[in-house]
Amino acid sequence: MGVTGAGKTTVGRALAEALGADYADADAFHSAGNVAKMSAGKPLDDSDREPWLRAVGDWLGTRGATGGVVSCSALKRSYRTILRERGPGVWFLHLAGPPDVAAARVGGREDHFMPVSLVTAQYAALEPLTADEPGLTVEFVQPPEQIVEQAQRALAEIQIHPPKEVV
């Protein structure tokens, strides 16, 4: 989880590979209307996000014994609650870091619908992972390999081999 530009896709793919788990990018679950809205520089509201989050949660819920990793912003606690309700056993890896780094990364993309203008809106909406939510917060300025190693160590400590789902 994390804002756009945090490295969710890069880390998510690498973590799924390391765990031998299925991988999905939550962006693939957005409706055409959501993509058009974000492409126009308009942030999504909760009503836009709810069906998307339900679809992502349903994907997680079908991973069963094989586990799964999904890259999803999951910016608010209420969004993470939807994911946990639909995908029991969800554990979050919050990629946190400086807004200027996220904006620079988004600004350098050529193949993504999310404009750099929405980075500020994502930080404004972000409710960081809290101590009572299952997961780990790491700095996204680290190399992806180090982030994956930290996540694997944290998962080993809570004895989830592999986790049912990681967001």
N, C-alpha and C. Protein backbone atom coordinates (compact mmCIF):
# COMPACT_ATOMS: atom_id res chain seq x y z
N MET A 1 0.84 -1.18 0.00
CA MET A 1 0.00 0.00 0.00
C MET A 1 0.88 1.24 0.00
N GLY A 2 0.29 2.35 -0.46
CA GLY A 2 1.01 3.61 -0.47
C GLY A 2 0.53 4.49 -1.60
N VAL A 3 1.05 5.69 -1.63
CA VAL A 3 0.66 6.66 -2.64
C VAL A 3 1.22 6.26 -4.00
N THR A 4 0.72 6.90 -5.03
CA THR A 4 1.26 6.69 -6.36
C THR A 4 2.74 7.09 -6.36
N GLY A 5 3.55 6.32 -7.03
CA GLY A 5 4.98 6.60 -7.08
C GLY A 5 5.79 5.99 -5.95
N ALA A 6 5.13 5.26 -5.04
CA ALA A 6 5.83 4.66 -3.91
C ALA A 6 6.62 3.42 -4.30
N GLY A 7 6.31 2.85 -5.46
CA GLY A 7 7.00 1.63 -5.89
C GLY A 7 6.21 0.37 -5.62
N LYS A 8 4.89 0.51 -5.47
CA LYS A 8 4.04 -0.63 -5.13
C LYS A 8 4.14 -1.75 -6.16
N THR A 9 4.13 -1.41 -7.43
CA THR A 9 4.18 -2.44 -8.47
C THR A 9 5.52 -3.16 -8.48
N THR A 10 6.60 -2.41 -8.43
CA THR A 10 7.94 -3.01 -8.44
C THR A 10 8.12 -3.92 -7.23
N VAL A 11 7.80 -3.42 -6.06
CA VAL A 11 7.97 -4.20 -4.83
C VAL A 11 6.99 -5.36 -4.81
N GLY A 12 5.75 -5.11 -5.21
CA GLY A 12 4.74 -6.17 -5.20
C GLY A 12 5.11 -7.35 -6.07
N ARG A 13 5.57 -7.06 -7.28
CA ARG A 13 6.00 -8.15 -8.18
C ARG A 13 7.16 -8.94 -7.58
N ALA A 14 8.14 -8.22 -7.05
CA ALA A 14 9.32 -8.88 -6.47
C ALA A 14 8.95 -9.70 -5.24
N LEU A 15 8.05 -9.18 -4.41
CA LEU A 15 7.63 -9.91 -3.22
C LEU A 15 6.84 -11.15 -3.60
N ALA A 16 5.94 -11.02 -4.56
CA ALA A 16 5.17 -12.18 -5.01
C ALA A 16 6.09 -13.27 -5.53
N GLU A 17 7.10 -12.88 -6.29
CA GLU A 17 8.06 -13.86 -6.82
C GLU A 17 8.81 -14.53 -5.68
N ALA A 18 9.26 -13.73 -4.71
CA ALA A 18 10.02 -14.29 -3.59
C ALA A 18 9.17 -15.25 -2.76
N LEU A 19 7.89 -14.97 -2.65
CA LEU A 19 6.99 -15.82 -1.86
C LEU A 19 6.38 -16.96 -2.65
N GLY A 20 6.55 -16.93 -3.96
CA GLY A 20 5.90 -17.94 -4.80
C GLY A 20 4.39 -17.77 -4.81
N ALA A 21 3.94 -16.51 -4.75
CA ALA A 21 2.51 -16.20 -4.66
C ALA A 21 2.02 -15.53 -5.94
N ASP A 22 0.71 -15.56 -6.15
CA ASP A 22 0.09 -14.86 -7.27
C ASP A 22 0.25 -13.35 -7.06
N TYR A 23 0.28 -12.60 -8.17
CA TYR A 23 0.41 -11.15 -8.11
C TYR A 23 -0.66 -10.48 -8.96
N ALA A 24 -1.15 -9.35 -8.47
CA ALA A 24 -2.06 -8.51 -9.27
C ALA A 24 -1.78 -7.05 -8.93
N ASP A 25 -1.97 -6.19 -9.91
CA ASP A 25 -1.89 -4.75 -9.71
C ASP A 25 -3.32 -4.25 -9.60
N ALA A 26 -3.65 -3.59 -8.50
CA ALA A 26 -5.01 -3.12 -8.28
C ALA A 26 -5.47 -2.15 -9.36
N ASP A 27 -4.55 -1.49 -10.04
CA ASP A 27 -4.94 -0.58 -11.12
C ASP A 27 -5.75 -1.31 -12.19
N ALA A 28 -5.48 -2.60 -12.36
CA ALA A 28 -6.19 -3.38 -13.37
C ALA A 28 -7.66 -3.60 -13.01
N PHE A 29 -8.02 -3.34 -11.77
CA PHE A 29 -9.39 -3.53 -11.30
C PHE A 29 -10.23 -2.26 -11.40
N HIS A 30 -9.61 -1.13 -11.77
CA HIS A 30 -10.35 0.13 -11.89
C HIS A 30 -11.31 0.08 -13.07
N SER A 31 -12.44 0.73 -12.91
CA SER A 31 -13.38 0.87 -14.02
C SER A 31 -12.82 1.88 -15.02
N ALA A 32 -13.34 1.85 -16.24
CA ALA A 32 -12.93 2.83 -17.25
C ALA A 32 -13.23 4.24 -16.77
N GLY A 33 -14.33 4.40 -16.06
CA GLY A 33 -14.70 5.72 -15.53
C GLY A 33 -13.69 6.24 -14.52
N ASN A 34 -13.21 5.35 -13.64
CA ASN A 34 -12.19 5.75 -12.67
C ASN A 34 -10.90 6.16 -13.37
N VAL A 35 -10.49 5.37 -14.35
CA VAL A 35 -9.26 5.69 -15.08
C VAL A 35 -9.40 7.03 -15.79
N ALA A 36 -10.54 7.26 -16.42
CA ALA A 36 -10.77 8.53 -17.12
C ALA A 36 -10.74 9.70 -16.15
N LYS A 37 -11.33 9.52 -14.99
CA LYS A 37 -11.37 10.59 -13.99
C LYS A 37 -9.95 10.93 -13.52
N MET A 38 -9.17 9.90 -13.20
CA MET A 38 -7.80 10.15 -12.74
C MET A 38 -6.94 10.71 -13.86
N SER A 39 -7.14 10.22 -15.07
CA SER A 39 -6.37 10.73 -16.22
C SER A 39 -6.62 12.21 -16.43
N ALA A 40 -7.83 12.66 -16.07
CA ALA A 40 -8.18 14.08 -16.20
C ALA A 40 -7.68 14.90 -15.00
N GLY A 41 -6.96 14.25 -14.09
CA GLY A 41 -6.40 14.96 -12.95
C GLY A 41 -7.36 15.13 -11.79
N LYS A 42 -8.47 14.36 -11.80
CA LYS A 42 -9.46 14.46 -10.73
C LYS A 42 -9.30 13.28 -9.78
N PRO A 43 -9.16 13.55 -8.49
CA PRO A 43 -9.02 12.45 -7.54
C PRO A 43 -10.32 11.67 -7.40
N LEU A 44 -10.19 10.38 -7.14
CA LEU A 44 -11.36 9.56 -6.89
C LEU A 44 -11.92 9.86 -5.51
N ASP A 45 -13.24 9.72 -5.36
CA ASP A 45 -13.84 9.86 -4.04
C ASP A 45 -14.18 8.46 -3.53
N ASP A 46 -14.69 8.38 -2.32
CA ASP A 46 -14.95 7.09 -1.71
C ASP A 46 -15.96 6.26 -2.51
N SER A 47 -16.94 6.91 -3.11
CA SER A 47 -17.92 6.15 -3.90
C SER A 47 -17.29 5.59 -5.17
N ASP A 48 -16.30 6.28 -5.72
CA ASP A 48 -15.57 5.74 -6.88
C ASP A 48 -14.74 4.52 -6.46
N ARG A 49 -14.16 4.61 -5.29
CA ARG A 49 -13.23 3.58 -4.84
C ARG A 49 -13.90 2.31 -4.32
N GLU A 50 -15.11 2.43 -3.77
CA GLU A 50 -15.71 1.27 -3.11
C GLU A 50 -15.84 0.04 -4.02
N PRO A 51 -16.42 0.14 -5.23
CA PRO A 51 -16.51 -1.07 -6.06
C PRO A 51 -15.14 -1.61 -6.46
N TRP A 52 -14.20 -0.70 -6.65
CA TRP A 52 -12.82 -1.10 -6.98
C TRP A 52 -12.20 -1.89 -5.83
N LEU A 53 -12.34 -1.36 -4.61
CA LEU A 53 -11.78 -2.04 -3.44
C LEU A 53 -12.45 -3.40 -3.22
N ARG A 54 -13.74 -3.47 -3.46
CA ARG A 54 -14.44 -4.76 -3.32
C ARG A 54 -13.88 -5.78 -4.33
N ALA A 55 -13.63 -5.33 -5.54
CA ALA A 55 -13.07 -6.24 -6.56
C ALA A 55 -11.66 -6.70 -6.16
N VAL A 56 -10.85 -5.78 -5.67
CA VAL A 56 -9.50 -6.15 -5.22
C VAL A 56 -9.60 -7.13 -4.05
N GLY A 57 -10.46 -6.82 -3.09
CA GLY A 57 -10.65 -7.71 -1.94
C GLY A 57 -11.15 -9.08 -2.35
N ASP A 58 -12.03 -9.13 -3.34
CA ASP A 58 -12.52 -10.42 -3.83
C ASP A 58 -11.39 -11.23 -4.45
N TRP A 59 -10.52 -10.55 -5.20
CA TRP A 59 -9.36 -11.24 -5.78
C TRP A 59 -8.51 -11.85 -4.66
N LEU A 60 -8.24 -11.04 -3.63
CA LEU A 60 -7.46 -11.54 -2.50
C LEU A 60 -8.15 -12.73 -1.84
N GLY A 61 -9.47 -12.63 -1.69
CA GLY A 61 -10.23 -13.70 -1.05
C GLY A 61 -10.20 -15.02 -1.79
N THR A 62 -9.89 -14.99 -3.08
CA THR A 62 -9.84 -16.24 -3.86
C THR A 62 -8.45 -16.86 -3.89
N ARG A 63 -7.48 -16.27 -3.23
CA ARG A 63 -6.12 -16.79 -3.29
C ARG A 63 -5.93 -18.01 -2.41
N GLY A 64 -6.77 -18.17 -1.41
CA GLY A 64 -6.77 -19.37 -0.58
C GLY A 64 -5.39 -19.82 -0.15
N ALA A 65 -5.10 -21.08 -0.42
CA ALA A 65 -3.86 -21.70 0.05
C ALA A 65 -2.62 -21.18 -0.65
N THR A 66 -2.76 -20.62 -1.86
CA THR A 66 -1.59 -20.20 -2.62
C THR A 66 -1.08 -18.83 -2.19
N GLY A 67 -1.92 -18.02 -1.59
CA GLY A 67 -1.53 -16.68 -1.21
C GLY A 67 -1.54 -15.74 -2.40
N GLY A 68 -1.41 -14.46 -2.13
CA GLY A 68 -1.40 -13.48 -3.20
C GLY A 68 -0.83 -12.17 -2.73
N VAL A 69 -0.28 -11.43 -3.67
CA VAL A 69 0.25 -10.09 -3.41
C VAL A 69 -0.43 -9.16 -4.40
N VAL A 70 -0.96 -8.06 -3.89
CA VAL A 70 -1.58 -7.08 -4.76
C VAL A 70 -1.02 -5.70 -4.43
N SER A 71 -0.71 -4.94 -5.45
CA SER A 71 -0.25 -3.56 -5.27
C SER A 71 -1.48 -2.67 -5.31
N CYS A 72 -1.79 -2.05 -4.18
CA CYS A 72 -3.02 -1.25 -4.04
C CYS A 72 -2.72 -0.07 -3.14
N SER A 73 -3.21 1.11 -3.51
CA SER A 73 -2.94 2.29 -2.70
C SER A 73 -3.48 2.13 -1.28
N ALA A 74 -4.71 1.63 -1.11
CA ALA A 74 -5.30 1.40 0.22
C ALA A 74 -5.01 2.58 1.15
N LEU A 75 -5.28 3.78 0.68
CA LEU A 75 -4.87 4.99 1.38
C LEU A 75 -5.52 5.21 2.74
N LYS A 76 -6.76 4.79 2.89
CA LYS A 76 -7.48 5.03 4.15
C LYS A 76 -7.72 3.73 4.90
N ARG A 77 -7.82 3.88 6.21
CA ARG A 77 -8.12 2.72 7.05
C ARG A 77 -9.42 2.05 6.61
N SER A 78 -10.42 2.83 6.27
CA SER A 78 -11.71 2.26 5.85
C SER A 78 -11.53 1.42 4.58
N TYR A 79 -10.62 1.82 3.70
CA TYR A 79 -10.36 1.04 2.49
C TYR A 79 -9.70 -0.29 2.86
N ARG A 80 -8.76 -0.21 3.80
CA ARG A 80 -8.08 -1.43 4.24
C ARG A 80 -9.05 -2.37 4.95
N THR A 81 -10.04 -1.81 5.63
CA THR A 81 -11.06 -2.63 6.27
C THR A 81 -11.84 -3.41 5.22
N ILE A 82 -12.20 -2.78 4.12
CA ILE A 82 -12.90 -3.47 3.03
C ILE A 82 -12.04 -4.62 2.51
N LEU A 83 -10.76 -4.38 2.32
CA LEU A 83 -9.86 -5.43 1.83
C LEU A 83 -9.77 -6.59 2.81
N ARG A 84 -9.69 -6.28 4.11
CA ARG A 84 -9.59 -7.35 5.12
C ARG A 84 -10.90 -8.13 5.23
N GLU A 85 -12.03 -7.45 5.08
CA GLU A 85 -13.32 -8.14 5.16
C GLU A 85 -13.51 -9.11 3.99
N ARG A 86 -13.04 -8.73 2.83
CA ARG A 86 -13.24 -9.57 1.64
C ARG A 86 -12.10 -10.56 1.43
N GLY A 87 -10.97 -10.26 2.03
CA GLY A 87 -9.80 -11.14 1.93
C GLY A 87 -9.23 -11.38 3.31
N PRO A 88 -9.87 -12.24 4.10
CA PRO A 88 -9.37 -12.49 5.46
C PRO A 88 -7.90 -12.91 5.44
N GLY A 89 -7.15 -12.42 6.41
CA GLY A 89 -5.74 -12.75 6.48
C GLY A 89 -4.84 -11.75 5.78
N VAL A 90 -5.39 -10.63 5.32
CA VAL A 90 -4.59 -9.62 4.62
C VAL A 90 -3.59 -8.99 5.58
N TRP A 91 -2.38 -8.82 5.09
CA TRP A 91 -1.27 -8.19 5.81
C TRP A 91 -0.77 -7.08 4.90
N PHE A 92 -0.52 -5.89 5.44
CA PHE A 92 -0.16 -4.73 4.64
C PHE A 92 1.32 -4.40 4.74
N LEU A 93 1.90 -4.04 3.61
CA LEU A 93 3.25 -3.50 3.54
C LEU A 93 3.09 -2.07 3.06
N HIS A 94 3.20 -1.12 3.99
CA HIS A 94 3.01 0.30 3.67
C HIS A 94 4.34 0.89 3.21
N LEU A 95 4.39 1.28 1.94
CA LEU A 95 5.57 1.95 1.39
C LEU A 95 5.39 3.44 1.61
N ALA A 96 6.13 3.99 2.55
CA ALA A 96 6.01 5.38 2.95
C ALA A 96 7.27 6.14 2.54
N GLY A 97 7.11 7.44 2.27
CA GLY A 97 8.27 8.23 1.92
C GLY A 97 7.90 9.65 1.55
N PRO A 98 8.91 10.41 1.13
CA PRO A 98 8.73 11.85 0.88
C PRO A 98 7.91 12.13 -0.38
N PRO A 99 7.02 13.13 -0.28
CA PRO A 99 6.20 13.50 -1.43
C PRO A 99 7.00 13.91 -2.66
N ASP A 100 8.14 14.58 -2.46
CA ASP A 100 8.91 15.02 -3.63
C ASP A 100 9.48 13.84 -4.41
N VAL A 101 9.84 12.77 -3.72
CA VAL A 101 10.35 11.58 -4.40
C VAL A 101 9.22 10.90 -5.18
N ALA A 102 8.06 10.77 -4.55
CA ALA A 102 6.91 10.16 -5.25
C ALA A 102 6.53 10.99 -6.47
N ALA A 103 6.51 12.30 -6.33
CA ALA A 103 6.15 13.18 -7.46
C ALA A 103 7.17 13.05 -8.59
N ALA A 104 8.44 12.98 -8.25
CA ALA A 104 9.47 12.82 -9.29
C ALA A 104 9.31 11.50 -10.03
N ARG A 105 8.99 10.45 -9.30
CA ARG A 105 8.79 9.15 -9.94
C ARG A 105 7.58 9.18 -10.87
N VAL A 106 6.49 9.75 -10.39
CA VAL A 106 5.27 9.82 -11.21
C VAL A 106 5.52 10.71 -12.43
N GLY A 107 6.24 11.81 -12.25
CA GLY A 107 6.55 12.70 -13.36
C GLY A 107 7.40 12.05 -14.42
N GLY A 108 8.16 11.03 -14.06
CA GLY A 108 9.03 10.35 -15.01
C GLY A 108 8.36 9.20 -15.74
N ARG A 109 7.13 8.90 -15.39
CA ARG A 109 6.40 7.80 -16.05
C ARG A 109 5.86 8.25 -17.39
N GLU A 110 5.88 7.33 -18.32
CA GLU A 110 5.30 7.62 -19.63
C GLU A 110 4.11 6.74 -19.94
N ASP A 111 3.94 5.67 -19.18
CA ASP A 111 2.93 4.67 -19.52
C ASP A 111 1.88 4.46 -18.44
N HIS A 112 1.57 5.50 -17.68
CA HIS A 112 0.60 5.36 -16.60
C HIS A 112 -0.40 6.49 -16.65
N PHE A 113 -1.63 6.19 -16.25
CA PHE A 113 -2.71 7.18 -16.33
C PHE A 113 -2.67 8.21 -15.21
N MET A 114 -1.94 7.96 -14.13
CA MET A 114 -1.95 8.85 -12.97
C MET A 114 -1.03 10.04 -13.20
N PRO A 115 -1.60 11.27 -13.23
CA PRO A 115 -0.75 12.45 -13.41
C PRO A 115 -0.09 12.88 -12.11
N VAL A 116 1.03 13.56 -12.23
CA VAL A 116 1.77 14.03 -11.06
C VAL A 116 0.92 14.97 -10.21
N SER A 117 -0.07 15.62 -10.81
CA SER A 117 -0.92 16.54 -10.06
C SER A 117 -1.72 15.85 -8.95
N LEU A 118 -1.89 14.53 -9.03
CA LEU A 118 -2.66 13.82 -8.02
C LEU A 118 -1.83 13.31 -6.85
N VAL A 119 -0.52 13.48 -6.91
CA VAL A 119 0.33 13.04 -5.80
C VAL A 119 -0.07 13.76 -4.52
N THR A 120 -0.27 15.07 -4.60
CA THR A 120 -0.65 15.85 -3.42
C THR A 120 -1.97 15.38 -2.85
N ALA A 121 -2.94 15.09 -3.71
CA ALA A 121 -4.25 14.61 -3.26
C ALA A 121 -4.10 13.25 -2.56
N GLN A 122 -3.22 12.41 -3.06
CA GLN A 122 -3.04 11.10 -2.42
C GLN A 122 -2.42 11.25 -1.03
N TYR A 123 -1.44 12.13 -0.90
CA TYR A 123 -0.86 12.36 0.43
C TYR A 123 -1.90 12.96 1.37
N ALA A 124 -2.76 13.82 0.88
CA ALA A 124 -3.80 14.42 1.72
C ALA A 124 -4.79 13.37 2.21
N ALA A 125 -5.06 12.37 1.39
CA ALA A 125 -6.01 11.31 1.75
C ALA A 125 -5.38 10.21 2.59
N LEU A 126 -4.06 10.09 2.55
CA LEU A 126 -3.36 8.98 3.19
C LEU A 126 -3.56 8.95 4.70
N GLU A 127 -3.98 7.80 5.18
CA GLU A 127 -4.02 7.50 6.61
C GLU A 127 -3.02 6.37 6.81
N PRO A 128 -1.84 6.70 7.34
CA PRO A 128 -0.79 5.68 7.47
C PRO A 128 -1.27 4.45 8.23
N LEU A 129 -0.65 3.36 7.95
CA LEU A 129 -0.91 2.11 8.65
C LEU A 129 -0.72 2.34 10.15
N THR A 130 -1.63 1.83 10.95
CA THR A 130 -1.55 2.01 12.40
C THR A 130 -1.12 0.73 13.08
N ALA A 131 -0.70 0.85 14.33
CA ALA A 131 -0.17 -0.28 15.08
C ALA A 131 -1.17 -1.42 15.24
N ASP A 132 -2.46 -1.13 15.19
CA ASP A 132 -3.45 -2.19 15.36
C ASP A 132 -3.87 -2.83 14.03
N GLU A 133 -3.22 -2.45 12.94
CA GLU A 133 -3.48 -3.06 11.64
C GLU A 133 -2.32 -4.01 11.33
N PRO A 134 -2.63 -5.18 10.78
CA PRO A 134 -1.57 -6.14 10.50
C PRO A 134 -0.67 -5.67 9.36
N GLY A 135 0.61 -5.48 9.65
CA GLY A 135 1.51 -5.06 8.58
C GLY A 135 2.77 -4.41 9.08
N LEU A 136 3.46 -3.82 8.13
CA LEU A 136 4.77 -3.21 8.35
C LEU A 136 4.87 -1.96 7.49
N THR A 137 5.47 -0.91 8.04
CA THR A 137 5.74 0.31 7.27
C THR A 137 7.24 0.38 7.01
N VAL A 138 7.59 0.63 5.75
CA VAL A 138 8.99 0.77 5.36
C VAL A 138 9.15 2.01 4.49
N GLU A 139 10.35 2.53 4.44
CA GLU A 139 10.65 3.70 3.60
C GLU A 139 10.84 3.26 2.15
N PHE A 140 10.10 3.87 1.22
CA PHE A 140 10.19 3.46 -0.18
C PHE A 140 11.42 3.97 -0.91
N VAL A 141 12.25 4.76 -0.25
CA VAL A 141 13.48 5.22 -0.90
C VAL A 141 14.57 4.15 -0.89
N GLN A 142 14.35 3.07 -0.16
CA GLN A 142 15.28 1.95 -0.15
C GLN A 142 15.19 1.17 -1.46
N PRO A 143 16.23 0.43 -1.80
CA PRO A 143 16.14 -0.44 -2.97
C PRO A 143 15.03 -1.49 -2.77
N PRO A 144 14.31 -1.81 -3.83
CA PRO A 144 13.22 -2.78 -3.71
C PRO A 144 13.65 -4.11 -3.07
N GLU A 145 14.86 -4.55 -3.35
CA GLU A 145 15.33 -5.81 -2.79
C GLU A 145 15.37 -5.75 -1.26
N GLN A 146 15.79 -4.61 -0.72
CA GLN A 146 15.84 -4.46 0.74
C GLN A 146 14.43 -4.45 1.32
N ILE A 147 13.50 -3.80 0.63
CA ILE A 147 12.12 -3.76 1.10
C ILE A 147 11.54 -5.18 1.14
N VAL A 148 11.79 -5.95 0.08
CA VAL A 148 11.30 -7.32 0.02
C VAL A 148 11.90 -8.15 1.15
N GLU A 149 13.18 -7.98 1.42
CA GLU A 149 13.82 -8.71 2.52
C GLU A 149 13.18 -8.35 3.86
N GLN A 150 12.92 -7.06 4.09
CA GLN A 150 12.28 -6.63 5.33
C GLN A 150 10.89 -7.24 5.47
N ALA A 151 10.15 -7.25 4.38
CA ALA A 151 8.80 -7.83 4.40
C ALA A 151 8.87 -9.32 4.71
N GLN A 152 9.80 -10.02 4.08
CA GLN A 152 9.93 -11.46 4.32
C GLN A 152 10.30 -11.75 5.78
N ARG A 153 11.20 -10.95 6.35
CA ARG A 153 11.57 -11.13 7.76
C ARG A 153 10.36 -10.90 8.66
N ALA A 154 9.59 -9.84 8.38
CA ALA A 154 8.41 -9.54 9.19
C ALA A 154 7.38 -10.65 9.08
N LEU A 155 7.19 -11.17 7.89
CA LEU A 155 6.24 -12.25 7.70
C LEU A 155 6.71 -13.52 8.41
N ALA A 156 8.00 -13.78 8.39
CA ALA A 156 8.54 -14.95 9.09
C ALA A 156 8.33 -14.83 10.59
N GLU A 157 8.45 -13.62 11.11
CA GLU A 157 8.26 -13.39 12.55
C GLU A 157 6.84 -13.69 12.98
N ILE A 158 5.88 -13.45 12.11
CA ILE A 158 4.49 -13.72 12.48
C ILE A 158 4.04 -15.08 11.95
N GLN A 159 4.99 -15.82 11.43
CA GLN A 159 4.81 -17.20 10.98
C GLN A 159 3.69 -17.36 9.95
N ILE A 160 3.73 -16.54 8.94
CA ILE A 160 2.82 -16.70 7.81
C ILE A 160 3.70 -17.16 6.65
N HIS A 161 3.56 -18.41 6.25
CA HIS A 161 4.42 -19.00 5.21
C HIS A 161 3.59 -19.67 4.13
N PRO A 162 3.36 -19.15 2.97
CA PRO A 162 3.41 -17.72 2.68
C PRO A 162 2.18 -17.03 3.25
N PRO A 163 2.13 -15.71 3.22
CA PRO A 163 0.94 -15.04 3.72
C PRO A 163 -0.24 -15.37 2.82
N LYS A 164 -1.43 -15.28 3.39
CA LYS A 164 -2.61 -15.50 2.54
C LYS A 164 -2.66 -14.41 1.48
N GLU A 165 -2.52 -13.17 1.91
CA GLU A 165 -2.54 -12.06 0.96
C GLU A 165 -1.68 -10.93 1.51
N VAL A 166 -0.97 -10.27 0.64
CA VAL A 166 -0.17 -9.11 1.02
C VAL A 166 -0.58 -7.96 0.12
N VAL A 167 -0.84 -6.80 0.71
CA VAL A 167 -1.22 -5.62 -0.05
C VAL A 167 -0.11 -4.60 0.10
